[in-house]
Protein backbone atom coordinates (compact mmCIF):
# COMPACT_ATOMS: atom_id res chain seq x y z
CA UNK A 1 5.15 1.90 -0.59
CA UNK A 2 4.05 -1.02 1.54
CA UNK A 3 7.67 -1.65 2.54
CA UNK A 4 7.94 1.97 3.65
CA UNK A 5 4.81 1.61 5.75
CA UNK A 6 6.23 -1.51 7.37
CA UNK A 7 9.50 0.26 8.21
CA UNK A 8 7.48 3.18 9.58
CA UNK A 9 5.90 0.72 12.00
CA UNK A 10 9.35 -0.47 13.04
CA UNK A 11 10.41 3.05 13.97
CA UNK A 12 7.25 3.64 15.98
CA UNK A 13 8.19 0.84 18.38
CA UNK A 14 8.33 1.90 22.00
CA UNK A 15 11.65 0.19 22.76
CA UNK A 16 14.85 -0.50 20.81
CA UNK A 17 14.34 -4.23 21.36
CA UNK A 18 10.83 -4.12 19.93
CA UNK A 19 12.07 -2.09 16.94
CA UNK A 20 14.82 -4.65 16.28
CA UNK A 21 12.27 -7.47 16.47
CA UNK A 22 9.96 -5.68 14.05
CA UNK A 23 12.82 -4.92 11.65
CA UNK A 24 13.85 -8.59 11.67
CA UNK A 25 10.26 -9.60 10.82
CA UNK A 26 9.96 -6.99 8.04
CA UNK A 27 13.30 -7.98 6.51
CA UNK A 28 12.23 -11.64 6.50
CA UNK A 29 8.96 -10.72 4.79
CA UNK A 30 10.73 -8.61 2.17
CA UNK A 31 13.16 -11.45 1.48
CA UNK A 32 10.20 -13.75 0.77
CA UNK A 33 7.91 -11.35 -1.09
CA UNK A 34 9.18 -9.45 -4.14
CA UNK A 35 9.19 -5.66 -3.94
CA UNK A 36 7.54 -4.11 -7.00
CA UNK A 37 9.15 -0.87 -8.21
CA UNK A 38 6.97 2.10 -9.10
CA UNK A 39 6.91 2.35 -12.90
CA UNK A 40 5.58 4.84 -15.41
CA UNK A 41 2.58 2.55 -15.97
CA UNK A 42 1.77 2.66 -12.26
CA UNK A 43 2.16 6.45 -12.29
CA UNK A 44 -0.36 6.67 -15.15
CA UNK A 45 -2.91 4.63 -13.21
CA UNK A 46 -2.17 6.74 -10.12
CA UNK A 47 -2.84 10.00 -12.00
CA UNK A 48 -6.11 8.77 -13.45
CA UNK A 49 -7.50 7.40 -10.19
CA UNK A 50 -6.37 10.45 -8.22
CA UNK A 51 -8.09 12.78 -10.69
CA UNK A 52 -11.31 10.73 -10.73
CA UNK A 53 -11.49 10.49 -6.93
CA UNK A 54 -10.66 14.20 -6.56
CA UNK A 55 -13.62 15.19 -8.72
CA UNK A 56 -15.91 13.30 -6.35
CA UNK A 57 -14.19 14.69 -3.25
CA UNK A 58 -13.02 11.20 -2.26
CA UNK A 59 -9.22 11.41 -2.53
CA UNK A 60 -7.01 8.81 -0.90
CA UNK A 61 -3.76 9.31 0.99
CA UNK A 62 -0.87 9.08 -1.46
CA UNK A 63 0.49 5.92 0.12
CA UNK A 64 -2.82 4.06 -0.24
CA UNK A 65 -3.28 5.36 -3.78
CA UNK A 66 0.18 4.11 -4.77
CA UNK A 67 -0.61 0.67 -3.36
CA UNK A 68 -3.96 0.58 -5.18
CA UNK A 69 -2.41 1.82 -8.45
CA UNK A 70 0.30 -0.80 -8.27
CA UNK A 71 -2.24 -3.56 -7.72
CA UNK A 72 -4.47 -2.35 -10.55
CA UNK A 73 -1.62 -2.00 -13.03
CA UNK A 74 -0.54 -5.60 -12.30
CA UNK A 75 -4.07 -7.06 -12.01
CA UNK A 76 -3.28 -7.94 -8.40
CA UNK A 77 -5.66 -8.08 -5.46
CA UNK A 78 -4.93 -6.54 -2.08
CA UNK A 79 -5.57 -7.52 1.52
CA UNK A 80 -6.05 -4.66 3.97
CA UNK A 81 -7.31 -3.69 7.37
CA UNK A 82 -8.45 -0.37 5.88
CA UNK A 83 -11.37 -1.31 3.66
CA UNK A 84 -12.89 2.19 3.76
CA UNK A 85 -9.99 3.65 1.77
CA UNK A 86 -9.52 0.91 -0.79
CA UNK A 87 -13.23 0.35 -1.42
CA UNK A 88 -13.23 3.75 -3.17
CA UNK A 89 -11.00 2.52 -6.00
CA UNK A 90 -13.04 1.29 -8.97
CA UNK A 91 -11.98 -2.08 -10.33
CA UNK A 92 -9.69 -2.92 -7.39
CA UNK A 93 -10.32 -6.31 -5.80
CA UNK A 94 -9.99 -5.83 -2.04
CA UNK A 95 -10.07 -8.46 0.71
CA UNK A 96 -10.48 -7.61 4.38
CA UNK A 97 -7.69 -8.61 6.72
CA UNK A 98 -9.31 -10.85 9.28
């Protein structure tokens, strides 16, 4: 999901040159950082968190929920510039991007 969000940012570039530069950066990052596939275990965590947040009227966008579910299922922590979304997820360790 994070890779998709990065590529989305590439395509929002205002010039072809800027898009190419962003794509080069994203590809270098993805070569250095492993991409984690979405598994059945992640889907289970996703379903539970989505249901719990829905009951409280605090749902997350699907993309953020997939990222959070992936981190929780792997006991990973996340770094984000969007603390207000990820702070809603119980048990998720979240660090602010500074």
